[in-house]
C-alpha atoms as a PDB file:
ATOM      1  CA  UNK A   1      -2.550 -22.179  -7.699  1.00  0.00           C
ATOM      2  CA  UNK A   2      -2.385 -23.294 -11.313  1.00  0.00           C
ATOM      3  CA  UNK A   3       0.532 -21.520 -13.120  1.00  0.00           C
ATOM      4  CA  UNK A   4      -2.299 -20.225 -15.316  1.00  0.00           C
ATOM      5  CA  UNK A   5      -3.790 -18.455 -12.491  1.00  0.00           C
ATOM      6  CA  UNK A   6      -0.868 -17.054 -11.564  1.00  0.00           C
ATOM      7  CA  UNK A   7       0.272 -15.500 -15.120  1.00  0.00           C
ATOM      8  CA  UNK A   8      -3.395 -14.634 -15.837  1.00  0.00           C
ATOM      9  CA  UNK A   9      -3.688 -12.430 -12.311  1.00  0.00           C
ATOM     10  CA  UNK A  10      -0.487 -11.324 -13.649  1.00  0.00           C
ATOM     11  CA  UNK A  11      -0.539 -10.037 -16.386  1.00  0.00           C
ATOM     12  CA  UNK A  12      -4.590  -8.376 -15.473  1.00  0.00           C
ATOM     13  CA  UNK A  13      -4.095  -7.653 -12.285  1.00  0.00           C
ATOM     14  CA  UNK A  14      -1.138  -5.895 -12.704  1.00  0.00           C
ATOM     15  CA  UNK A  15      -3.058  -2.620 -15.215  1.00  0.00           C
ATOM     16  CA  UNK A  16      -4.570  -1.735 -12.005  1.00  0.00           C
ATOM     17  CA  UNK A  17      -0.945  -0.024 -11.125  1.00  0.00           C
ATOM     18  CA  UNK A  18      -1.866   2.442 -13.977  1.00  0.00           C
ATOM     19  CA  UNK A  19      -5.049   3.692 -12.566  1.00  0.00           C
ATOM     20  CA  UNK A  20      -6.011   7.473 -12.847  1.00  0.00           C
ATOM     21  CA  UNK A  21      -3.119   8.094 -14.960  1.00  0.00           C
ATOM     22  CA  UNK A  22      -2.406  12.398 -15.540  1.00  0.00           C
ATOM     23  CA  UNK A  23      -4.948  12.530 -18.367  1.00  0.00           C
ATOM     24  CA  UNK A  24      -8.495  12.576 -20.046  1.00  0.00           C
ATOM     25  CA  UNK A  25     -10.322  12.325 -22.882  1.00  0.00           C
ATOM     26  CA  UNK A  26     -11.678  15.933 -22.121  1.00  0.00           C
ATOM     27  CA  UNK A  27     -13.449  18.013 -19.275  1.00  0.00           C
ATOM     28  CA  UNK A  28     -13.504  20.792 -17.239  1.00  0.00           C
ATOM     29  CA  UNK A  29     -10.826  23.776 -17.435  1.00  0.00           C
ATOM     30  CA  UNK A  30      -9.119  23.235 -21.216  1.00  0.00           C
ATOM     31  CA  UNK A  31     -10.769  20.426 -21.883  1.00  0.00           C
ATOM     32  CA  UNK A  32      -8.315  18.251 -19.190  1.00  0.00           C
ATOM     33  CA  UNK A  33      -8.525  16.682 -16.132  1.00  0.00           C
ATOM     34  CA  UNK A  34      -6.087  14.619 -14.109  1.00  0.00           C
ATOM     35  CA  UNK A  35      -8.087  11.081 -13.890  1.00  0.00           C
ATOM     36  CA  UNK A  36      -7.459   9.244 -17.200  1.00  0.00           C
ATOM     37  CA  UNK A  37     -10.807   7.600 -17.849  1.00  0.00           C
ATOM     38  CA  UNK A  38     -10.957   4.793 -19.213  1.00  0.00           C
ATOM     39  CA  UNK A  39      -7.498   3.569 -16.881  1.00  0.00           C
ATOM     40  CA  UNK A  40      -9.348   0.965 -14.709  1.00  0.00           C
ATOM     41  CA  UNK A  41     -10.080  -2.037 -16.584  1.00  0.00           C
ATOM     42  CA  UNK A  42      -9.557  -6.004 -16.158  1.00  0.00           C
ATOM     43  CA  UNK A  43      -9.030  -6.977 -12.942  1.00  0.00           C
ATOM     44  CA  UNK A  44      -9.371  -3.916 -12.247  1.00  0.00           C
ATOM     45  CA  UNK A  45      -9.811  -4.522  -7.857  1.00  0.00           C
ATOM     46  CA  UNK A  46      -7.050  -7.412  -7.544  1.00  0.00           C
ATOM     47  CA  UNK A  47      -2.949  -6.204  -6.426  1.00  0.00           C
ATOM     48  CA  UNK A  48      -0.571  -8.123  -7.445  1.00  0.00           C
ATOM     49  CA  UNK A  49       1.644 -10.270  -4.771  1.00  0.00           C
ATOM     50  CA  UNK A  50       4.731  -7.743  -2.760  1.00  0.00           C
ATOM     51  CA  UNK A  51       7.521  -6.868  -5.523  1.00  0.00           C
ATOM     52  CA  UNK A  52       8.525  -4.104  -7.693  1.00  0.00           C
ATOM     53  CA  UNK A  53       6.841  -3.446 -11.604  1.00  0.00           C
ATOM     54  CA  UNK A  54       7.086  -1.404 -14.086  1.00  0.00           C
ATOM     55  CA  UNK A  55       4.428  -0.330 -16.784  1.00  0.00           C
ATOM     56  CA  UNK A  56       4.348   1.501 -19.531  1.00  0.00           C
ATOM     57  CA  UNK A  57       1.164   2.711 -21.388  1.00  0.00           C
ATOM     58  CA  UNK A  58       0.701   4.567 -24.622  1.00  0.00           C
ATOM     59  CA  UNK A  59      -1.762   6.737 -25.580  1.00  0.00           C
ATOM     60  CA  UNK A  60      -3.730   8.062 -27.746  1.00  0.00           C
ATOM     61  CA  UNK A  61      -7.164  10.336 -28.400  1.00  0.00           C
ATOM     62  CA  UNK A  62      -8.572  11.812 -31.101  1.00  0.00           C
ATOM     63  CA  UNK A  63     -12.224  14.323 -30.301  1.00  0.00           C
ATOM     64  CA  UNK A  64     -14.116  17.024 -31.660  1.00  0.00           C
ATOM     65  CA  UNK A  65     -16.535  19.695 -29.708  1.00  0.00           C
ATOM     66  CA  UNK A  66     -18.329  20.246 -33.131  1.00  0.00           C
ATOM     67  CA  UNK A  67     -20.090  24.087 -33.735  1.00  0.00           C
ATOM     68  CA  UNK A  68     -21.898  24.215 -31.161  1.00  0.00           C
ATOM     69  CA  UNK A  69     -19.834  23.630 -27.925  1.00  0.00           C
ATOM     70  CA  UNK A  70     -18.213  26.612 -26.321  1.00  0.00           C
ATOM     71  CA  UNK A  71     -14.791  25.872 -24.208  1.00  0.00           C
ATOM     72  CA  UNK A  72     -12.335  27.639 -21.871  1.00  0.00           C
ATOM     73  CA  UNK A  73      -8.939  26.750 -22.580  1.00  0.00           C
ATOM     74  CA  UNK A  74      -6.261  28.944 -22.117  1.00  0.00           C
ATOM     75  CA  UNK A  75      -7.792  31.893 -20.505  1.00  0.00           C
ATOM     76  CA  UNK A  76     -10.011  32.476 -23.174  1.00  0.00           C
ATOM     77  CA  UNK A  77     -13.513  30.700 -24.573  1.00  0.00           C
ATOM     78  CA  UNK A  78     -12.810  28.155 -28.431  1.00  0.00           C
ATOM     79  CA  UNK A  79     -15.434  27.066 -30.474  1.00  0.00           C
ATOM     80  CA  UNK A  80     -15.589  24.420 -33.534  1.00  0.00           C
ATOM     81  CA  UNK A  81     -12.915  22.408 -31.231  1.00  0.00           C
ATOM     82  CA  UNK A  82     -10.848  19.329 -32.003  1.00  0.00           C
ATOM     83  CA  UNK A  83      -8.337  18.220 -30.558  1.00  0.00           C
ATOM     84  CA  UNK A  84      -5.447  15.176 -30.152  1.00  0.00           C
ATOM     85  CA  UNK A  85      -3.006  13.355 -28.052  1.00  0.00           C
ATOM     86  CA  UNK A  86      -0.228  10.937 -27.442  1.00  0.00           C
ATOM     87  CA  UNK A  87       1.363  10.825 -24.661  1.00  0.00           C
ATOM     88  CA  UNK A  88       3.207   8.214 -22.842  1.00  0.00           C
ATOM     89  CA  UNK A  89       2.817   7.008 -19.320  1.00  0.00           C
ATOM     90  CA  UNK A  90       5.604   5.408 -17.445  1.00  0.00           C
ATOM     91  CA  UNK A  91       4.728   3.890 -13.670  1.00  0.00           C
ATOM     92  CA  UNK A  92       6.991   2.037 -11.597  1.00  0.00           C
ATOM     93  CA  UNK A  93       5.047   0.505  -8.202  1.00  0.00           C
ATOM     94  CA  UNK A  94       6.564  -1.130  -4.939  1.00  0.00           C
ATOM     95  CA  UNK A  95       3.594  -3.577  -3.534  1.00  0.00           C
ATOM     96  CA  UNK A  96       5.261  -3.341   0.533  1.00  0.00           C
ATOM     97  CA  UNK A  97       5.774  -7.090   1.475  1.00  0.00           C
ATOM     98  CA  UNK A  98       4.043  -6.458   4.534  1.00  0.00           C
ATOM     99  CA  UNK A  99       0.726  -6.694   6.062  1.00  0.00           C
ATOM    100  CA  UNK A 100      -1.388  -3.509   6.243  1.00  0.00           C
ATOM    101  CA  UNK A 101      -4.813  -4.332   7.676  1.00  0.00           C
ATOM    102  CA  UNK A 102      -5.344  -7.721   6.988  1.00  0.00           C
ATOM    103  CA  UNK A 103      -4.304  -6.346   3.033  1.00  0.00           C
ATOM    104  CA  UNK A 104      -1.243  -5.359   1.581  1.00  0.00           C
ATOM    105  CA  UNK A 105       0.022  -1.532   0.693  1.00  0.00           C
ATOM    106  CA  UNK A 106       1.352  -0.815  -2.849  1.00  0.00           C
ATOM    107  CA  UNK A 107       3.252   3.088  -2.762  1.00  0.00           C
ATOM    108  CA  UNK A 108       4.500   4.575  -7.109  1.00  0.00           C
ATOM    109  CA  UNK A 109       4.689   7.187  -9.544  1.00  0.00           C
ATOM    110  CA  UNK A 110       3.749   8.190 -12.939  1.00  0.00           C
ATOM    111  CA  UNK A 111       5.586  10.262 -15.277  1.00  0.00           C
ATOM    112  CA  UNK A 112       3.680  12.187 -17.942  1.00  0.00           C
ATOM    113  CA  UNK A 113       5.214  13.047 -21.666  1.00  0.00           C
ATOM    114  CA  UNK A 114       3.793  13.369 -24.728  1.00  0.00           C
ATOM    115  CA  UNK A 115       2.518  15.378 -27.527  1.00  0.00           C
ATOM    116  CA  UNK A 116      -0.856  17.249 -27.389  1.00  0.00           C
ATOM    117  CA  UNK A 117      -2.895  19.363 -30.145  1.00  0.00           C
ATOM    118  CA  UNK A 118      -6.020  21.932 -30.558  1.00  0.00           C
ATOM    119  CA  UNK A 119      -7.564  23.817 -32.826  1.00  0.00           C
ATOM    120  CA  UNK A 120     -10.118  25.897 -33.036  1.00  0.00           C
ATOM    121  CA  UNK A 121     -12.725  28.061 -35.296  1.00  0.00           C
ATOM    122  CA  UNK A 122     -12.884  31.110 -33.637  1.00  0.00           C
ATOM    123  CA  UNK A 123     -11.763  32.196 -29.899  1.00  0.00           C
ATOM    124  CA  UNK A 124     -14.637  34.130 -28.960  1.00  0.00           C
ATOM    125  CA  UNK A 125     -13.572  36.066 -25.887  1.00  0.00           C
ATOM    126  CA  UNK A 126      -9.738  36.753 -24.357  1.00  0.00           C
ATOM    127  CA  UNK A 127      -9.426  38.428 -20.493  1.00  0.00           C
ATOM    128  CA  UNK A 128      -7.728  41.341 -22.437  1.00  0.00           C
ATOM    129  CA  UNK A 129      -9.731  41.928 -25.094  1.00  0.00           C
ATOM    130  CA  UNK A 130     -13.329  42.388 -24.756  1.00  0.00           C
ATOM    131  CA  UNK A 131     -14.183  40.647 -28.588  1.00  0.00           C
ATOM    132  CA  UNK A 132     -13.312  37.806 -30.956  1.00  0.00           C
ATOM    133  CA  UNK A 133      -9.774  37.401 -30.487  1.00  0.00           C
ATOM    134  CA  UNK A 134      -9.294  35.327 -34.007  1.00  0.00           C
ATOM    135  CA  UNK A 135     -10.257  32.729 -36.119  1.00  0.00           C
ATOM    136  CA  UNK A 136      -8.527  29.590 -36.971  1.00  0.00           C
ATOM    137  CA  UNK A 137      -6.502  29.432 -33.676  1.00  0.00           C
ATOM    138  CA  UNK A 138      -4.275  26.564 -33.549  1.00  0.00           C
ATOM    139  CA  UNK A 139      -1.801  25.087 -30.563  1.00  0.00           C
ATOM    140  CA  UNK A 140       0.532  22.004 -30.339  1.00  0.00           C
ATOM    141  CA  UNK A 141       3.413  21.165 -27.948  1.00  0.00           C
ATOM    142  CA  UNK A 142       5.377  18.322 -26.436  1.00  0.00           C
ATOM    143  CA  UNK A 143       5.133  18.500 -23.511  1.00  0.00           C
ATOM    144  CA  UNK A 144       6.348  17.069 -19.655  1.00  0.00           C
ATOM    145  CA  UNK A 145       3.016  17.314 -17.676  1.00  0.00           C
ATOM    146  CA  UNK A 146       2.910  17.143 -13.976  1.00  0.00           C
ATOM    147  CA  UNK A 147       3.751  13.607 -12.059  1.00  0.00           C
ATOM    148  CA  UNK A 148       1.323  12.129 -10.166  1.00  0.00           C
ATOM    149  CA  UNK A 149       1.803   9.803  -6.564  1.00  0.00           C
ATOM    150  CA  UNK A 150      -0.190   6.908  -5.380  1.00  0.00           C
ATOM    151  CA  UNK A 151      -1.240   4.729  -3.188  1.00  0.00           C
ATOM    152  CA  UNK A 152      -3.158   1.248  -2.882  1.00  0.00           C
ATOM    153  CA  UNK A 153      -4.957  -0.613  -0.465  1.00  0.00           C
ATOM    154  CA  UNK A 154      -5.692  -4.316  -1.220  1.00  0.00           C
ATOM    155  CA  UNK A 155      -7.365  -7.728  -0.788  1.00  0.00           C
ATOM    156  CA  UNK A 156      -8.482 -10.644  -1.645  1.00  0.00           C
ATOM    157  CA  UNK A 157     -10.940 -13.587  -0.402  1.00  0.00           C
ATOM    158  CA  UNK A 158     -11.488 -15.926  -2.778  1.00  0.00           C
ATOM    159  CA  UNK A 159     -11.859 -15.373  -5.857  1.00  0.00           C
ATOM    160  CA  UNK A 160     -12.838 -11.052  -5.249  1.00  0.00           C
ATOM    161  CA  UNK A 161     -10.503  -8.800  -4.848  1.00  0.00           C
ATOM    162  CA  UNK A 162     -10.984  -5.486  -4.017  1.00  0.00           C
ATOM    163  CA  UNK A 163      -8.663  -2.054  -3.053  1.00  0.00           C
ATOM    164  CA  UNK A 164      -9.478   1.867  -2.768  1.00  0.00           C
ATOM    165  CA  UNK A 165      -6.424   3.865  -3.863  1.00  0.00           C
ATOM    166  CA  UNK A 166      -5.311   7.544  -3.780  1.00  0.00           C
ATOM    167  CA  UNK A 167      -4.150   9.403  -6.309  1.00  0.00           C
ATOM    168  CA  UNK A 168      -2.267  12.967  -6.103  1.00  0.00           C
ATOM    169  CA  UNK A 169      -1.560  15.419  -9.212  1.00  0.00           C
ATOM    170  CA  UNK A 170       1.788  17.567  -8.480  1.00  0.00           C
ATOM    171  CA  UNK A 171       2.172  20.703 -10.333  1.00  0.00           C
ATOM    172  CA  UNK A 172       4.971  20.815 -11.563  1.00  0.00           C
ATOM    173  CA  UNK A 173       4.768  19.733 -14.820  1.00  0.00           C
ATOM    174  CA  UNK A 174       5.893  22.166 -17.361  1.00  0.00           C
ATOM    175  CA  UNK A 175       2.504  24.049 -17.646  1.00  0.00           C
ATOM    176  CA  UNK A 176       2.227  27.160 -20.536  1.00  0.00           C
ATOM    177  CA  UNK A 177       0.901  29.526 -18.909  1.00  0.00           C
ATOM    178  CA  UNK A 178      -2.422  31.087 -21.416  1.00  0.00           C
ATOM    179  CA  UNK A 179      -1.832  28.102 -24.318  1.00  0.00           C
ATOM    180  CA  UNK A 180      -4.481  25.905 -25.682  1.00  0.00           C
ATOM    181  CA  UNK A 181      -2.748  22.563 -25.305  1.00  0.00           C
ATOM    182  CA  UNK A 182      -1.433  21.137 -21.971  1.00  0.00           C
ATOM    183  CA  UNK A 183      -0.247  18.269 -20.330  1.00  0.00           C
ATOM    184  CA  UNK A 184       0.519  19.623 -16.864  1.00  0.00           C
ATOM    185  CA  UNK A 185      -2.458  21.045 -15.164  1.00  0.00           C
ATOM    186  CA  UNK A 186      -1.262  24.007 -12.457  1.00  0.00           C
ATOM    187  CA  UNK A 187      -3.299  23.203  -9.494  1.00  0.00           C
ATOM    188  CA  UNK A 188      -2.865  19.983  -6.703  1.00  0.00           C
ATOM    189  CA  UNK A 189      -5.754  16.896  -7.116  1.00  0.00           C
ATOM    190  CA  UNK A 190      -6.412  14.625  -5.374  1.00  0.00           C
ATOM    191  CA  UNK A 191      -8.906  11.505  -6.569  1.00  0.00           C
ATOM    192  CA  UNK A 192     -10.572   8.192  -3.825  1.00  0.00           C
ATOM    193  CA  UNK A 193     -11.782   5.545  -5.896  1.00  0.00           C
ATOM    194  CA  UNK A 194     -12.628   1.894  -4.591  1.00  0.00           C
ATOM    195  CA  UNK A 195     -12.297  -1.128  -7.113  1.00  0.00           C
ATOM    196  CA  UNK A 196     -13.558  -4.226  -7.073  1.00  0.00           C
ATOM    197  CA  UNK A 197     -13.241  -8.030  -9.148  1.00  0.00           C
ATOM    198  CA  UNK A 198     -14.622 -10.870  -9.730  1.00  0.00           C
ATOM    199  CA  UNK A 199     -12.200 -13.957 -11.498  1.00  0.00           C
ATOM    200  CA  UNK A 200     -13.527 -17.650 -11.532  1.00  0.00           C
ATOM    201  CA  UNK A 201     -10.023 -19.048 -12.273  1.00  0.00           C
ATOM    202  CA  UNK A 202     -11.989 -22.128 -13.653  1.00  0.00           C
ATOM    203  CA  UNK A 203     -13.995 -20.458 -15.681  1.00  0.00           C
ATOM    204  CA  UNK A 204     -11.640 -17.577 -16.915  1.00  0.00           C
ATOM    205  CA  UNK A 205     -14.240 -14.968 -16.689  1.00  0.00           C
ATOM    206  CA  UNK A 206     -14.119 -11.154 -14.833  1.00  0.00           C
ATOM    207  CA  UNK A 207     -15.839  -9.078 -13.971  1.00  0.00           C
ATOM    208  CA  UNK A 208     -14.602  -5.830 -12.787  1.00  0.00           C
ATOM    209  CA  UNK A 209     -15.441  -2.512 -11.917  1.00  0.00           C
ATOM    210  CA  UNK A 210     -14.163   0.866 -10.066  1.00  0.00           C
ATOM    211  CA  UNK A 211     -16.042   4.332  -9.095  1.00  0.00           C
ATOM    212  CA  UNK A 212     -13.749   7.395  -7.544  1.00  0.00           C
ATOM    213  CA  UNK A 213     -14.301  10.915  -6.619  1.00  0.00           C
ATOM    214  CA  UNK A 214     -11.663  13.602  -8.310  1.00  0.00           C
ATOM    215  CA  UNK A 215     -11.227  16.758  -6.481  1.00  0.00           C
ATOM    216  CA  UNK A 216      -9.815  19.884  -7.125  1.00  0.00           C
ATOM    217  CA  UNK A 217      -7.750  22.797  -6.127  1.00  0.00           C
ATOM    218  CA  UNK A 218      -7.485  25.867  -7.719  1.00  0.00           C
ATOM    219  CA  UNK A 219      -5.244  26.465 -10.959  1.00  0.00           C
ATOM    220  CA  UNK A 220      -3.624  30.299  -9.980  1.00  0.00           C
ATOM    221  CA  UNK A 221      -2.641  31.545 -13.596  1.00  0.00           C
ATOM    222  CA  UNK A 222      -6.170  31.392 -14.086  1.00  0.00           C
ATOM    223  CA  UNK A 223      -8.249  31.446 -11.069  1.00  0.00           C
ATOM    224  CA  UNK A 224      -9.968  28.348 -12.400  1.00  0.00           C
ATOM    225  CA  UNK A 225     -11.532  26.040 -10.066  1.00  0.00           C
ATOM    226  CA  UNK A 226     -12.994  23.031 -11.485  1.00  0.00           C
ATOM    227  CA  UNK A 227     -15.545  21.194  -9.711  1.00  0.00           C
ATOM    228  CA  UNK A 228     -15.722  17.476  -8.052  1.00  0.00           C
ATOM    229  CA  UNK A 229     -16.102  14.957 -10.588  1.00  0.00           C
ATOM    230  CA  UNK A 230     -17.484  11.102 -10.727  1.00  0.00           C
ATOM    231  CA  UNK A 231     -16.293   8.412 -12.959  1.00  0.00           C
ATOM    232  CA  UNK A 232     -16.801   4.866 -13.209  1.00  0.00           C
ATOM    233  CA  UNK A 233     -15.611   1.831 -15.379  1.00  0.00           C
ATOM    234  CA  UNK A 234     -15.958  -1.417 -15.783  1.00  0.00           C
ATOM    235  CA  UNK A 235     -14.756  -4.385 -17.460  1.00  0.00           C
ATOM    236  CA  UNK A 236     -16.330  -8.190 -18.516  1.00  0.00           C
ATOM    237  CA  UNK A 237     -13.888 -10.408 -20.226  1.00  0.00           C
ATOM    238  CA  UNK A 238     -13.072 -13.936 -20.137  1.00  0.00           C
ATOM    239  CA  UNK A 239      -9.591 -15.530 -20.944  1.00  0.00           C
ATOM    240  CA  UNK A 240      -9.443 -18.283 -24.351  1.00  0.00           C
ATOM    241  CA  UNK A 241      -6.065 -19.467 -23.222  1.00  0.00           C
ATOM    242  CA  UNK A 242      -2.968 -19.665 -21.276  1.00  0.00           C
ATOM    243  CA  UNK A 243      -1.791 -16.238 -23.544  1.00  0.00           C
ATOM    244  CA  UNK A 244      -5.051 -15.036 -24.348  1.00  0.00           C
ATOM    245  CA  UNK A 245      -8.146 -12.734 -23.543  1.00  0.00           C
ATOM    246  CA  UNK A 246     -10.031 -10.231 -24.421  1.00  0.00           C
ATOM    247  CA  UNK A 247     -13.697  -9.201 -23.105  1.00  0.00           C
ATOM    248  CA  UNK A 248     -15.855  -5.226 -23.364  1.00  0.00           C
ATOM    249  CA  UNK A 249     -15.429  -2.240 -21.266  1.00  0.00           C
ATOM    250  CA  UNK A 250     -16.929   0.778 -20.351  1.00  0.00           C
ATOM    251  CA  UNK A 251     -16.822   3.890 -18.292  1.00  0.00           C
ATOM    252  CA  UNK A 252     -18.650   7.235 -17.544  1.00  0.00           C
ATOM    253  CA  UNK A 253     -17.814  10.344 -15.804  1.00  0.00           C
ATOM    254  CA  UNK A 254     -20.313  13.046 -14.544  1.00  0.00           C
ATOM    255  CA  UNK A 255     -18.692  16.171 -13.519  1.00  0.00           C
ATOM    256  CA  UNK A 256     -21.258  16.714  -9.676  1.00  0.00           C
ATOM    257  CA  UNK A 257     -19.795  20.191  -9.362  1.00  0.00           C
ATOM    258  CA  UNK A 258     -19.941  23.115 -10.910  1.00  0.00           C
ATOM    259  CA  UNK A 259     -16.442  24.899 -12.259  1.00  0.00           C
ATOM    260  CA  UNK A 260     -15.711  28.641 -10.503  1.00  0.00           C
ATOM    261  CA  UNK A 261     -14.015  30.976 -10.140  1.00  0.00           C
ATOM    262  CA  UNK A 262     -12.905  34.437 -12.460  1.00  0.00           C
ATOM    263  CA  UNK A 263     -11.375  31.867 -14.821  1.00  0.00           C
ATOM    264  CA  UNK A 264     -14.488  29.840 -15.049  1.00  0.00           C
ATOM    265  CA  UNK A 265     -16.408  32.051 -17.811  1.00  0.00           C
ATOM    266  CA  UNK A 266     -18.878  30.398 -18.780  1.00  0.00           C
ATOM    267  CA  UNK A 267     -19.856  28.896 -15.007  1.00  0.00           C
ATOM    268  CA  UNK A 268     -20.420  26.047 -13.444  1.00  0.00           C
ATOM    269  CA  UNK A 269     -20.571  23.762 -16.980  1.00  0.00           C
ATOM    270  CA  UNK A 270     -21.039  20.580 -16.020  1.00  0.00           C
ATOM    271  CA  UNK A 271     -19.415  17.686 -18.620  1.00  0.00           C
ATOM    272  CA  UNK A 272     -20.952  14.505 -19.067  1.00  0.00           C
ATOM    273  CA  UNK A 273     -20.032  11.350 -21.527  1.00  0.00           C
ATOM    274  CA  UNK A 274     -20.142   7.858 -21.674  1.00  0.00           C
ATOM    275  CA  UNK A 275     -17.695   5.563 -23.969  1.00  0.00           C
ATOM    276  CA  UNK A 276     -17.875   1.440 -24.971  1.00  0.00           C
ATOM    277  CA  UNK A 277     -15.427  -0.201 -25.869  1.00  0.00           C
ATOM    278  CA  UNK A 278     -13.352  -3.726 -26.362  1.00  0.00           C
ATOM    279  CA  UNK A 279      -9.668  -5.284 -25.002  1.00  0.00           C
ATOM    280  CA  UNK A 280      -7.427  -7.670 -25.786  1.00  0.00           C
ATOM    281  CA  UNK A 281      -4.686  -9.068 -23.746  1.00  0.00           C
ATOM    282  CA  UNK A 282      -1.488 -10.921 -25.011  1.00  0.00           C
ATOM    283  CA  UNK A 283       0.486 -13.046 -22.371  1.00  0.00           C
ATOM    284  CA  UNK A 284       4.413 -14.037 -22.159  1.00  0.00           C
ATOM    285  CA  UNK A 285       7.818 -14.353 -21.072  1.00  0.00           C
ATOM    286  CA  UNK A 286      11.229 -12.800 -21.959  1.00  0.00           C
ATOM    287  CA  UNK A 287      13.453 -15.059 -20.387  1.00  0.00           C
ATOM    288  CA  UNK A 288      11.975 -15.710 -17.183  1.00  0.00           C
ATOM    289  CA  UNK A 289      10.285 -12.796 -16.748  1.00  0.00           C
ATOM    290  CA  UNK A 290       5.937 -12.325 -17.086  1.00  0.00           C
ATOM    291  CA  UNK A 291       5.362  -9.560 -19.749  1.00  0.00           C
ATOM    292  CA  UNK A 292       1.331  -8.375 -20.375  1.00  0.00           C
ATOM    293  CA  UNK A 293       0.555  -6.777 -23.098  1.00  0.00           C
ATOM    294  CA  UNK A 294      -3.126  -5.041 -23.299  1.00  0.00           C
ATOM    295  CA  UNK A 295      -4.783  -2.730 -26.187  1.00  0.00           C
ATOM    296  CA  UNK A 296      -8.124  -0.977 -24.903  1.00  0.00           C
ATOM    297  CA  UNK A 297     -10.121   1.173 -27.422  1.00  0.00           C
ATOM    298  CA  UNK A 298     -13.380   2.621 -26.278  1.00  0.00           C
ATOM    299  CA  UNK A 299     -15.601   5.128 -28.591  1.00  0.00           C
ATOM    300  CA  UNK A 300     -17.463   7.528 -26.691  1.00  0.00           C
ATOM    301  CA  UNK A 301     -21.107   9.339 -26.915  1.00  0.00           C
ATOM    302  CA  UNK A 302     -23.589  11.459 -24.986  1.00  0.00           C
ATOM    303  CA  UNK A 303     -21.256  14.088 -24.351  1.00  0.00           C
ATOM    304  CA  UNK A 304     -22.288  17.071 -22.656  1.00  0.00           C
ATOM    305  CA  UNK A 305     -19.589  20.427 -22.348  1.00  0.00           C
ATOM    306  CA  UNK A 306     -16.808  18.331 -23.876  1.00  0.00           C
ATOM    307  CA  UNK A 307     -15.480  16.806 -26.545  1.00  0.00           C
ATOM    308  CA  UNK A 308     -16.757  13.950 -27.565  1.00  0.00           C
ATOM    309  CA  UNK A 309     -13.629  11.299 -30.045  1.00  0.00           C
ATOM    310  CA  UNK A 310     -12.167   8.591 -29.750  1.00  0.00           C
ATOM    311  CA  UNK A 311      -9.138   6.611 -27.190  1.00  0.00           C
ATOM    312  CA  UNK A 312      -7.018   3.929 -26.647  1.00  0.00           C
ATOM    313  CA  UNK A 313      -4.488   2.321 -24.526  1.00  0.00           C
ATOM    314  CA  UNK A 314      -1.305   0.321 -25.944  1.00  0.00           C
ATOM    315  CA  UNK A 315       0.070  -0.993 -21.993  1.00  0.00           C
ATOM    316  CA  UNK A 316       3.045  -3.030 -21.448  1.00  0.00           C
ATOM    317  CA  UNK A 317       3.381  -4.275 -17.607  1.00  0.00           C
ATOM    318  CA  UNK A 318       6.127  -6.683 -15.968  1.00  0.00           C
ATOM    319  CA  UNK A 319       7.935  -7.334 -12.406  1.00  0.00           C
ATOM    320  CA  UNK A 320      10.786  -5.654 -11.771  1.00  0.00           C
ATOM    321  CA  UNK A 321      11.078  -8.163  -8.615  1.00  0.00           C
ATOM    322  CA  UNK A 322       8.736 -10.318  -6.942  1.00  0.00           C
ATOM    323  CA  UNK A 323       9.157 -11.344  -3.764  1.00  0.00           C
ATOM    324  CA  UNK A 324       8.974 -15.080  -3.418  1.00  0.00           C
ATOM    325  CA  UNK A 325       8.251 -15.159   0.259  1.00  0.00           C
END
């Protein structure tokens, strides 16, 4: 295996470890889902070699819903909504050295924190007042979100790499009851996904895709149960040199069962959105440690019952240790 091939696999494959970061562009209750759309990308199906890895993702989002869209947030209905988020997600992952079902198992945790701001032209209904509550509603806060636990089981066969990933949102973050801006969810939630990568090191092309389902528990503070969510992501990238790679990325989201509970004042309210974008990566070394830096930017379109906007990631990942066996 060439040095170039190893560096490309590490730089792109370690991005898998951030899959499903716990903040999504707008959907479901409060316009937020714990699975982060766009977190899968190049080498989504690749699990790096046994070792301990650290990754940091700086995430931004800016979107709006327009005057004709109504959302449920903080126990009230709001219209003419716009939102911004700048968040940081620190991910630690341990890829175990032992074989498991012919592959390798990785376990990890994701810790989110960041700033969220929400503006609404009007709050149409509050649970204690059967009337217009306010106009020009605004809320923003720095928030520590819910930690997310992860487990990944991955395999390799020639140019093919695939894995199954499970995520669990643990509702112990700083949830702000009755607030519009939140990064925590006050509910248990789980996600299961399957990812596949075909990568040919001779020609440098990577074709990757991932599909998954998110299952949501009930937010007891609002009696709101978000429906089951489907997500699909893809990436087509080309290795340009030992250091650089670039390509196209995209995702599709569809809520496949409706919201429920007394807090779901808009009924089923199933959301949908798609996005296209581009990515560029730069691989380098600090001392003898390989480091991967990747920028991803998406533009959403065809949104239904959710905000539509622009989002991006700046990701830096590196190994703390790699099993030499």
